[in-house]
Protein backbone atom coordinates (compact mmCIF):
# COMPACT_ATOMS: atom_id res chain seq x y z
CA MET A 1 35.07 163.72 167.04
CA PRO A 2 38.60 162.90 165.82
CA SER A 3 39.18 162.72 162.08
CA VAL A 4 39.89 159.29 160.60
CA TYR A 5 42.70 158.84 158.11
CA LEU A 6 41.96 156.36 155.33
CA PRO A 7 44.78 154.78 153.32
CA ARG A 8 45.02 155.91 149.69
CA THR A 9 43.85 152.50 148.35
CA LEU A 10 40.80 152.37 150.60
CA ARG A 11 39.91 155.93 149.69
CA ALA A 12 40.03 154.98 146.02
CA ILE A 13 37.70 152.00 146.58
CA LEU A 14 35.21 154.10 148.55
CA SER A 15 35.36 156.81 145.89
CA GLY A 16 34.53 154.21 143.24
CA LEU A 17 31.56 152.93 145.24
CA ILE A 18 30.25 156.46 145.67
CA LEU A 19 30.62 157.02 141.94
CA LEU A 20 28.59 153.87 141.27
CA VAL A 21 25.85 155.00 143.61
CA ILE A 22 25.77 158.50 142.14
CA LEU A 23 25.77 157.32 138.55
CA GLY A 24 23.72 154.18 139.06
CA ALA A 25 20.72 155.67 140.81
CA PRO A 26 19.50 157.84 137.93
CA LEU A 27 20.10 155.01 135.46
CA ILE A 28 17.99 152.54 137.47
CA HIS A 29 15.03 154.90 137.63
CA ALA A 30 15.37 156.17 134.09
CA ALA A 31 16.56 153.14 132.18
CA ASP A 32 14.24 153.90 129.36
CA VAL A 33 15.88 157.28 128.75
CA PRO A 34 18.90 157.03 126.43
CA ILE A 35 22.14 158.62 127.67
CA THR A 36 24.95 159.82 125.43
CA LEU A 37 28.70 159.37 125.95
CA GLU A 38 29.08 163.10 126.54
CA GLN A 39 26.46 162.98 129.28
CA ARG A 40 28.25 160.07 130.94
CA VAL A 41 31.55 161.99 130.89
CA ALA A 42 29.87 165.07 132.37
CA GLN A 43 28.33 162.96 135.14
CA LEU A 44 31.72 161.39 135.91
CA GLU A 45 33.37 164.82 136.15
CA GLN A 46 30.66 166.13 138.47
CA ALA A 47 30.83 163.03 140.64
CA ALA A 48 34.63 163.23 140.84
CA LYS A 49 34.41 166.83 142.03
CA ALA A 50 31.86 165.82 144.63
CA VAL A 51 34.12 163.04 145.93
CA SER A 52 37.43 164.97 145.75
CA PRO A 53 36.83 168.73 145.64
CA SER A 54 40.51 169.56 146.19
CA ALA A 55 43.69 168.66 144.32
CA ILE A 56 45.82 169.17 147.43
CA ASP A 57 48.28 166.35 148.10
CA SER A 58 48.98 166.24 151.83
CA GLY A 59 52.41 164.66 151.30
CA ASP A 60 53.48 167.38 148.87
CA ASN A 61 52.15 170.10 151.15
CA THR A 62 53.93 168.65 154.18
CA TRP A 63 57.24 168.55 152.33
CA MET A 64 56.82 172.11 151.09
CA LEU A 65 56.00 173.46 154.55
CA VAL A 66 59.09 171.70 155.93
CA SER A 67 61.17 173.10 153.06
CA THR A 68 59.82 176.59 153.77
CA ALA A 69 60.95 176.31 157.38
CA LEU A 70 64.36 174.98 156.29
CA VAL A 71 64.95 177.93 153.95
CA LEU A 72 64.01 180.39 156.69
CA MET A 73 66.47 178.57 158.95
CA MET A 74 69.18 179.36 156.41
CA THR A 75 68.80 183.04 157.29
CA ALA A 76 68.24 182.62 161.02
CA PRO A 77 70.21 181.17 162.58
CA GLY A 78 72.28 179.88 159.61
CA LEU A 79 73.51 183.03 157.86
CA ILE A 80 73.37 185.01 161.10
CA LEU A 81 75.91 182.68 162.73
CA PHE A 82 77.99 182.16 159.58
CA TYR A 83 78.44 185.89 158.95
CA GLY A 84 78.45 186.88 162.63
CA GLY A 85 81.39 184.65 163.43
CA LEU A 86 83.50 186.00 160.58
CA VAL A 87 83.60 189.64 161.70
CA ARG A 88 85.39 191.28 164.60
CA SER A 89 83.68 191.15 168.00
CA LYS A 90 82.81 194.86 167.94
CA ASN A 91 80.66 194.30 164.84
CA VAL A 92 79.01 190.96 165.51
CA LEU A 93 75.57 192.29 166.52
CA SER A 94 75.36 194.75 163.62
CA THR A 95 76.28 191.97 161.19
CA MET A 96 73.69 189.63 162.66
CA MET A 97 71.10 192.42 162.59
CA HIS A 98 71.52 192.77 158.83
CA SER A 99 70.06 189.30 158.32
CA LEU A 100 67.63 189.35 161.24
CA VAL A 101 65.85 192.55 160.25
CA LEU A 102 65.21 191.33 156.72
CA MET A 103 63.04 188.52 158.04
CA ALA A 104 60.57 191.25 158.99
CA VAL A 105 61.14 193.84 156.27
CA MET A 106 61.11 191.49 153.30
CA SER A 107 58.06 189.65 154.59
CA LEU A 108 56.02 192.86 154.58
CA LEU A 109 57.29 193.88 151.16
CA TRP A 110 56.40 190.43 149.85
CA MET A 111 52.86 190.75 151.21
CA LEU A 112 52.34 194.26 149.86
CA PHE A 113 53.54 193.90 146.28
CA GLY A 114 56.63 191.69 146.03
CA TYR A 115 54.78 188.44 145.40
CA SER A 116 52.62 190.15 142.78
CA VAL A 117 55.60 191.55 140.90
CA ALA A 118 57.41 188.21 141.05
CA PHE A 119 54.59 185.77 140.33
CA GLY A 120 51.65 187.83 139.13
CA GLU A 121 50.67 187.91 135.48
CA GLY A 122 52.14 190.81 133.56
CA ASN A 123 54.76 191.13 130.84
CA ALA A 124 58.09 189.41 130.27
CA PHE A 125 59.86 191.50 132.92
CA PHE A 126 57.51 191.95 135.88
CA GLY A 127 54.08 190.96 137.08
CA ASN A 128 51.12 193.19 137.95
CA PRO A 129 51.95 194.63 141.41
CA LEU A 130 48.26 194.83 142.30
CA GLN A 131 47.20 191.29 141.35
CA TYR A 132 48.06 189.79 144.73
CA PHE A 133 48.17 193.05 146.70
CA LEU A 134 48.01 192.18 150.43
CA LEU A 135 47.99 188.56 149.20
CA LYS A 136 44.47 188.92 147.83
CA GLY A 137 43.42 185.62 146.25
CA VAL A 138 46.37 183.70 147.68
CA GLY A 139 44.64 181.02 149.72
CA GLY A 140 44.11 177.30 150.05
CA ALA A 141 43.33 176.52 146.43
CA PRO A 142 46.36 175.59 144.27
CA ASN A 143 47.75 177.82 141.56
CA PRO A 144 48.19 175.22 138.79
CA ASP A 145 50.71 177.36 136.90
CA TYR A 146 53.23 176.98 139.72
CA ALA A 147 52.22 174.09 141.96
CA ALA A 148 49.10 172.08 141.28
CA THR A 149 49.13 169.90 144.42
CA ILE A 150 49.77 172.39 147.23
CA PRO A 151 47.89 175.47 148.44
CA HIS A 152 48.78 178.68 146.67
CA GLN A 153 49.59 180.11 150.08
CA THR A 154 52.20 177.41 150.69
CA PHE A 155 53.93 178.25 147.41
CA MET A 156 53.86 181.93 148.31
CA LEU A 157 55.46 181.27 151.70
CA PHE A 158 58.17 179.08 150.21
CA GLN A 159 59.15 181.74 147.69
CA MET A 160 59.10 184.44 150.38
CA MET A 161 61.98 182.74 152.16
CA PHE A 162 64.12 183.15 149.04
CA ALA A 163 63.25 186.84 148.99
CA ILE A 164 64.45 187.12 152.59
CA ILE A 165 67.84 185.45 152.26
CA THR A 166 68.89 186.92 148.89
CA PRO A 167 69.48 190.54 149.98
CA ALA A 168 70.82 189.25 153.29
CA LEU A 169 73.70 187.68 151.36
CA ILE A 170 74.74 191.13 150.11
CA SER A 171 75.30 192.34 153.66
CA GLY A 172 78.44 190.23 153.92
CA ALA A 173 80.24 192.47 151.43
CA VAL A 174 79.71 195.67 153.41
CA ALA A 175 80.01 194.35 156.94
CA GLU A 176 81.71 196.55 159.55
CA ARG A 177 81.27 199.89 157.78
CA ILE A 178 77.76 200.59 156.40
CA ARG A 179 75.18 202.77 158.12
CA PHE A 180 72.16 200.78 159.24
CA SER A 181 69.75 203.33 157.76
CA ALA A 182 71.57 203.12 154.42
CA TYR A 183 71.48 199.34 154.51
CA LEU A 184 67.73 199.28 155.12
CA LEU A 185 66.93 201.80 152.40
CA PHE A 186 69.20 200.11 149.87
CA THR A 187 67.77 196.67 150.62
CA ILE A 188 64.18 197.82 150.16
CA LEU A 189 64.98 199.51 146.86
CA TRP A 190 67.13 196.62 145.65
CA ALA A 191 64.41 194.07 146.34
CA ALA A 192 61.79 196.13 144.51
CA ILE A 193 63.92 196.97 141.48
CA VAL A 194 66.24 193.96 141.13
CA TYR A 195 65.00 190.88 142.97
CA PHE A 196 61.25 190.92 142.35
CA PRO A 197 61.50 191.60 138.58
CA LEU A 198 64.36 189.12 138.11
CA CYS A 199 62.36 186.50 139.97
CA HIS A 200 59.48 187.07 137.53
CA MET A 201 61.78 186.89 134.51
CA VAL A 202 63.16 183.49 135.49
CA TRP A 203 60.31 181.81 137.40
CA GLY A 204 57.15 183.83 136.76
CA LYS A 205 54.55 182.89 134.17
CA GLY A 206 55.50 184.51 130.87
CA GLY A 207 58.86 185.64 132.26
CA TYR A 208 61.52 186.35 129.67
CA PHE A 209 63.79 183.48 130.72
CA ASN A 210 61.12 181.02 131.91
CA TRP A 211 61.64 177.74 130.03
CA ALA A 212 58.44 176.11 131.30
CA LEU A 213 55.84 178.90 131.30
CA GLY A 214 56.07 180.77 128.05
CA GLY A 215 59.46 182.48 128.18
CA GLN A 216 61.36 183.68 125.13
CA ILE A 217 64.84 182.44 126.04
CA PRO A 218 64.68 179.04 127.78
CA VAL A 219 67.03 179.28 130.75
CA LEU A 220 67.43 176.44 133.24
CA ASP A 221 67.69 177.75 136.80
CA PHE A 222 66.20 175.29 139.25
CA ALA A 223 66.58 177.10 142.57
CA GLY A 224 68.18 180.49 142.03
CA GLY A 225 71.54 180.67 140.28
CA THR A 226 70.60 183.93 138.57
CA VAL A 227 67.75 185.04 140.82
CA VAL A 228 69.55 184.56 144.13
CA HIS A 229 73.30 184.06 143.90
CA ILE A 230 74.52 185.91 140.81
CA SER A 231 72.27 188.90 141.48
CA SER A 232 73.36 189.18 145.12
CA GLY A 233 77.00 188.33 144.40
CA VAL A 234 77.41 190.93 141.66
CA SER A 235 75.52 193.56 143.67
CA ALA A 236 77.73 192.80 146.66
CA LEU A 237 80.84 193.44 144.56
CA VAL A 238 79.50 196.77 143.31
CA VAL A 239 78.51 197.93 146.79
CA ALA A 240 81.87 196.87 148.25
CA MET A 241 83.75 198.82 145.61
CA MET A 242 81.59 201.91 146.01
CA ILE A 243 81.62 202.01 149.82
CA GLY A 244 85.38 201.48 149.94
CA ARG A 245 87.66 199.34 152.06
CA ARG A 246 87.44 198.94 155.79
CA ASP A 247 89.87 201.16 157.65
CA GLY A 248 93.18 199.26 157.72
CA PHE A 249 92.35 196.72 155.00
CA PRO A 250 94.36 194.83 153.77
CA HIS A 251 97.35 195.66 155.98
CA SER A 252 95.83 195.30 159.44
CA PRO A 253 94.71 191.83 160.50
CA MET A 254 90.91 191.43 160.62
CA MET A 255 90.54 187.94 161.98
CA PRO A 256 87.17 186.26 162.56
CA HIS A 257 86.22 186.64 166.20
CA ASN A 258 84.46 183.25 166.49
CA VAL A 259 85.07 180.55 163.90
CA VAL A 260 82.91 178.16 165.92
CA PHE A 261 79.88 180.37 165.20
CA SER A 262 80.69 180.21 161.50
CA LEU A 263 81.03 176.43 161.53
CA ILE A 264 77.65 176.02 163.21
CA GLY A 265 76.22 178.40 160.64
CA THR A 266 77.78 176.37 157.84
CA GLY A 267 76.11 173.21 159.10
CA LEU A 268 72.74 174.95 159.33
CA LEU A 269 73.15 176.34 155.83
CA TRP A 270 73.93 172.88 154.44
CA VAL A 271 70.86 171.34 156.08
CA GLY A 272 68.66 174.26 155.08
CA TRP A 273 69.88 174.05 151.51
CA PHE A 274 68.07 170.74 151.12
CA GLY A 275 64.84 172.69 151.50
CA PHE A 276 66.19 175.41 149.22
CA ASN A 277 67.00 173.06 146.32
CA ALA A 278 64.90 169.93 146.83
CA GLY A 279 61.95 172.07 147.85
CA SER A 280 62.13 173.79 144.48
CA ALA A 281 60.67 170.64 142.96
CA VAL A 282 57.41 171.83 144.64
CA ASN A 283 56.39 168.24 145.32
CA ALA A 284 57.63 165.26 147.28
CA GLY A 285 58.43 163.11 144.25
CA THR A 286 61.52 161.73 142.58
CA LEU A 287 62.72 165.13 141.36
CA ALA A 288 62.97 166.36 144.95
CA THR A 289 65.05 163.30 145.82
CA SER A 290 67.33 163.90 142.83
CA ALA A 291 67.85 167.56 143.74
CA PHE A 292 68.51 166.57 147.36
CA ALA A 293 71.23 164.11 146.29
CA ALA A 294 72.83 166.56 143.84
CA THR A 295 72.96 169.22 146.55
CA HIS A 296 74.69 166.96 149.04
CA PHE A 297 77.35 165.53 146.75
CA SER A 298 78.23 168.90 145.24
CA ALA A 299 78.84 170.38 148.70
CA ALA A 300 80.97 167.39 149.71
CA ALA A 301 83.06 167.55 146.53
CA ALA A 302 83.63 171.31 146.81
CA ALA A 303 84.76 170.99 150.43
CA ILE A 304 87.34 168.40 149.39
CA SER A 305 88.65 170.26 146.33
CA TRP A 306 89.00 173.54 148.30
CA ALA A 307 90.79 171.77 151.17
CA VAL A 308 93.16 169.86 148.90
CA LEU A 309 94.05 173.00 146.95
CA GLU A 310 94.65 174.99 150.13
CA TRP A 311 96.72 172.16 151.59
CA TRP A 312 98.83 172.01 148.47
CA LEU A 313 99.37 175.77 148.13
CA LYS A 314 99.56 176.81 151.79
CA GLY A 315 100.77 173.65 153.48
CA HIS A 316 97.66 173.11 155.61
CA PRO A 317 93.90 172.78 155.11
CA SER A 318 92.06 175.32 157.26
CA VAL A 319 88.75 174.60 158.96
CA LEU A 320 87.30 177.84 157.62
CA GLY A 321 88.51 176.85 154.15
CA VAL A 322 86.57 173.59 154.29
CA ALA A 323 83.48 175.49 155.43
CA SER A 324 83.90 178.00 152.59
CA GLY A 325 84.23 175.13 150.12
CA MET A 326 81.00 173.61 151.38
CA VAL A 327 79.09 176.86 150.89
CA ALA A 328 80.67 177.30 147.45
CA GLY A 329 79.51 173.84 146.43
CA LEU A 330 75.99 174.59 147.62
CA ALA A 331 75.81 177.91 145.79
CA THR A 332 77.23 176.42 142.60
CA ILE A 333 74.85 173.46 142.41
CA THR A 334 71.77 175.56 143.16
CA PRO A 335 70.78 176.32 139.55
CA ALA A 336 71.64 172.79 138.38
CA SER A 337 70.30 170.71 141.27
CA GLY A 338 67.09 169.61 139.55
CA PHE A 339 68.64 168.95 136.16
CA VAL A 340 71.83 166.93 136.66
CA SER A 341 72.85 163.46 137.81
CA VAL A 342 74.87 162.79 140.95
CA PRO A 343 78.17 162.30 139.03
CA ALA A 344 77.57 165.59 137.20
CA ALA A 345 76.76 167.32 140.50
CA THR A 346 80.00 165.97 141.97
CA LEU A 347 81.92 167.37 139.00
CA ILE A 348 80.23 170.75 139.49
CA GLY A 349 81.19 170.66 143.16
CA LEU A 350 84.83 169.86 142.40
CA ALA A 351 84.94 172.78 139.97
CA ALA A 352 83.28 175.05 142.53
CA GLY A 353 85.94 174.42 145.15
CA VAL A 354 88.75 175.32 142.75
CA VAL A 355 87.15 178.31 141.02
CA CYS A 356 85.82 179.90 144.20
CA TYR A 357 89.10 179.36 146.05
CA PHE A 358 90.99 181.36 143.44
CA ALA A 359 88.28 184.02 143.34
CA VAL A 360 88.59 184.51 147.10
CA SER A 361 92.36 184.18 147.48
CA LYS A 362 93.68 185.66 144.24
CA LEU A 363 91.05 187.71 142.40
CA LYS A 364 90.17 189.86 145.42
CA MET A 365 93.82 190.60 146.18
CA LYS A 366 94.62 191.38 142.56
CA PHE A 367 91.90 194.01 142.22
CA GLY A 368 92.01 195.21 145.81
CA TYR A 369 88.29 195.33 146.61
CA ASP A 370 87.16 194.62 150.16
CA ASP A 371 84.34 192.10 149.86
CA SER A 372 84.42 191.51 153.60
CA LEU A 373 82.91 188.01 153.73
CA ASP A 374 83.54 186.96 150.11
CA VAL A 375 79.98 187.15 148.83
CA PHE A 376 81.05 187.69 145.24
CA GLY A 377 83.86 185.13 145.33
CA VAL A 378 81.64 182.34 146.71
CA HIS A 379 78.06 183.10 145.64
CA GLY A 380 78.57 185.16 142.51
CA VAL A 381 81.49 183.29 140.95
CA GLY A 382 80.11 179.96 142.18
CA SER A 383 76.68 180.31 140.60
CA ILE A 384 78.10 181.72 137.36
CA THR A 385 80.14 178.53 137.16
CA GLY A 386 77.12 176.37 137.97
CA MET A 387 74.87 178.09 135.43
CA LEU A 388 77.38 177.65 132.62
CA LEU A 389 78.28 174.04 133.44
CA LEU A 390 74.57 173.26 133.55
CA GLY A 391 74.36 174.28 129.91
CA PHE A 392 76.45 171.21 129.06
CA LEU A 393 75.34 168.82 131.82
CA ALA A 394 71.53 169.17 131.86
CA ASN A 395 70.14 165.64 131.67
CA ALA A 396 66.65 164.80 130.38
CA SER A 397 66.68 161.47 132.20
CA VAL A 398 66.89 163.40 135.49
CA ASN A 399 64.20 165.91 134.54
CA PRO A 400 62.23 164.68 131.48
CA ALA A 401 60.30 167.95 131.21
CA ILE A 402 63.31 169.75 129.73
CA ALA A 403 63.05 167.57 126.61
CA THR A 404 59.31 168.01 126.02
CA THR A 405 58.12 171.37 127.37
CA PHE A 406 59.70 174.30 125.53
CA LYS A 407 58.48 175.10 122.04
CA ALA A 408 59.94 177.38 119.40
CA ASN A 409 57.89 178.14 116.29
CA GLY A 410 55.48 175.39 117.26
CA ALA A 411 58.17 172.71 117.48
CA VAL A 412 59.39 171.10 120.72
CA VAL A 413 63.01 171.97 121.51
CA SER A 414 65.06 169.86 123.92
CA LEU A 415 66.99 171.82 126.53
CA ALA A 416 69.33 168.95 127.39
CA GLY A 417 73.02 169.75 127.67
CA GLY A 418 74.82 170.99 124.59
CA LEU A 419 76.09 174.13 122.90
CA PRO A 420 72.62 175.62 122.22
CA GLN A 421 71.63 175.42 125.86
CA PHE A 422 75.02 176.69 126.99
CA PHE A 423 74.40 179.88 125.02
CA ASN A 424 70.94 180.22 126.57
CA GLN A 425 72.53 180.00 130.01
CA LEU A 426 75.25 182.46 129.03
CA LYS A 427 72.67 185.03 127.92
CA ALA A 428 70.93 184.86 131.28
CA VAL A 429 74.23 185.13 133.17
CA ILE A 430 75.32 188.21 131.20
CA PHE A 431 71.91 189.84 131.56
CA THR A 432 71.85 189.24 135.33
CA ILE A 433 75.37 190.63 135.79
CA VAL A 434 74.66 193.79 133.79
CA PHE A 435 71.20 194.34 135.26
CA ALA A 436 72.24 193.80 138.88
CA ALA A 437 75.44 195.86 138.55
CA ALA A 438 73.78 198.83 136.83
CA ALA A 439 70.80 198.93 139.18
CA THR A 440 73.00 198.59 142.26
CA TYR A 441 75.30 201.39 141.12
CA LEU A 442 72.38 203.78 140.67
CA LEU A 443 70.73 202.75 143.93
CA ILE A 444 73.92 203.22 145.94
CA LYS A 445 74.35 206.70 144.46
CA LEU A 446 70.78 207.52 145.49
CA VAL A 447 71.11 206.10 149.00
CA ASP A 448 74.39 207.91 149.59
CA ALA A 449 72.79 211.19 148.55
CA LEU A 450 69.74 210.65 150.77
CA VAL A 451 71.12 209.27 154.04
CA GLY A 452 74.85 208.74 153.61
CA LEU A 453 76.34 205.33 152.94
CA ARG A 454 79.21 204.83 155.32
CA VAL A 455 79.76 205.45 159.03
CA ASP A 456 82.44 207.97 159.91
CA ARG A 457 85.92 206.86 160.89
CA GLU A 458 85.34 207.29 164.62
CA ASP A 459 82.20 205.13 164.57
CA GLU A 460 83.97 202.48 162.51
CA SER A 461 86.79 202.37 165.03
CA LEU A 462 84.33 202.14 167.90
CA GLY A 463 82.43 199.37 166.17
CA LEU A 464 78.99 199.29 164.60
CA ASP A 465 77.42 197.43 167.51
CA LEU A 466 77.75 200.53 169.68
CA SER A 467 77.62 203.26 167.06
CA GLN A 468 74.58 201.92 165.17
CA HIS A 469 72.66 199.95 167.81
CA GLY A 470 73.93 201.06 171.22
CA GLU A 471 74.72 197.51 172.32
CA ARG A 472 77.64 195.20 172.94
CA ALA A 473 77.70 191.51 172.10
CA TYR A 474 79.99 190.74 175.04
CA ASN A 475 79.81 192.67 178.30
CA ASP A 476 82.37 190.86 180.45
């Protein structure tokens, strides 16, 4: 028999009638027995549970499942095409493989212990790795600490997609020269030691920087400025410097083999980012709409500021430059998307286009590191900029919770924009840079000692598609 959907108003009326029947029957037959206010309240609570045993909101859950799919789409095919088009044709499959394989590897790590370390209860730096081991206890009932109107399993899936794409971003810095075995080992270790604990510190209950769930330093990071972009951007820089330049860089031309791939990837990333940022509201309410709008206008503004600057300095605006500006605007607004107005988001986007352009075109050349696909210049520098600007631009009218949630010494402290919140943001940025850089340095040393980090010169010349995977992207 097909299920029948009842409008919300009709359901409320029927629920009220059921309550009357449940409460009225015992009163009719026992009118001579006095009933206290406490007993009435208890009966109402029991009746409410009988009528509505679940707090799941189908609209919220639908939006979060769609957002989960959108964030996964950012990795495949979004990042796969974006990165794959930027490398030379002999390395396109190996570059795509770096993102593709993490969809499998990170999912299993997340199930085994990653989700527990990130969102389990523990101390200020990491959760109990056994609490949700094999996703024990992660089912259809909500976890009210994180999302009270969707299944706990939906929240877990949404956060897993962040865990997939974050280390995939790092791969852009070492494209065309890293051993596949070294990449896999490094990624597994990096996720366990850097990403999962940092995720707990910023978003987990009791995490050191969690402004809403008992943290010590209240840091605003709506969708991953520290957790995703600064951590991956800084780690990418360290790995690029330690693995060394590609053979021939910067003197030999290393042109993208298919800019069309990269442009398609850019479009998919932009669309997917709506799930990334607006989905971080974990409901389908006004905050999701606000984050959606902030995301869009920041990307648009950054694309324009990058293009105008390039046009002015080089005499022409490049298509790839506009695409890079878009991604810079998206990365920069990520931490601020749920806390700022549209005009503030536009300002952040304009700043992103300028700052990231100079990081990619000037900073890299000045210091001579070969960050192949500009992970640090776009994601790292971009989100550092967004985190710090958020310290001044956070708006309680956009997200009222930042003015009423955090308490220090028993007193409510507003986290709206100003110098105090700027310093909170700065502390988190510095901590993330130092933590990610130090951990990455040690992990790269370990990986190099165990399996070797870089392919030999002959394999690099041949191309990683053949030397690492025995395949060619194009066989004509």
